[in-house]
Amino acid sequence: APSSTANFGSSLLAVALLG
């Protein structure tokens, strides 16, 4: 579902920012 994809994207972005 779009919501799940958005949540996954946010999590991945957070991980990328944490480096």
C-alpha atoms as a PDB file:
ATOM      1  CA  ALA A   1       0.000   0.000   0.000  1.00  0.00           C
ATOM      2  CA  PRO A   2       1.150   3.622  -0.604  1.00  0.00           C
ATOM      3  CA  SER A   3       1.247   4.302   3.138  1.00  0.00           C
ATOM      4  CA  SER A   4       3.566   1.349   3.732  1.00  0.00           C
ATOM      5  CA  THR A   5       5.815   2.522   0.903  1.00  0.00           C
ATOM      6  CA  ALA A   6       5.925   6.044   2.341  1.00  0.00           C
ATOM      7  CA  ASN A   7       6.766   4.718   5.795  1.00  0.00           C
ATOM      8  CA  PHE A   8       9.533   2.543   4.357  1.00  0.00           C
ATOM      9  CA  GLY A   9      10.892   5.521   2.431  1.00  0.00           C
ATOM     10  CA  SER A  10      10.908   7.694   5.546  1.00  0.00           C
ATOM     11  CA  SER A  11      12.724   5.005   7.524  1.00  0.00           C
ATOM     12  CA  LEU A  12      15.283   4.539   4.749  1.00  0.00           C
ATOM     13  CA  LEU A  13      15.817   8.302   4.530  1.00  0.00           C
ATOM     14  CA  ALA A  14      16.312   8.506   8.304  1.00  0.00           C
ATOM     15  CA  VAL A  15      18.921   5.713   8.124  1.00  0.00           C
ATOM     16  CA  ALA A  16      20.684   7.535   5.279  1.00  0.00           C
ATOM     17  CA  LEU A  17      20.752  10.763   7.296  1.00  0.00           C
ATOM     18  CA  LEU A  18      22.135   8.898  10.316  1.00  0.00           C
ATOM     19  CA  GLY A  19      24.830   7.571   8.005  1.00  0.00           C
END
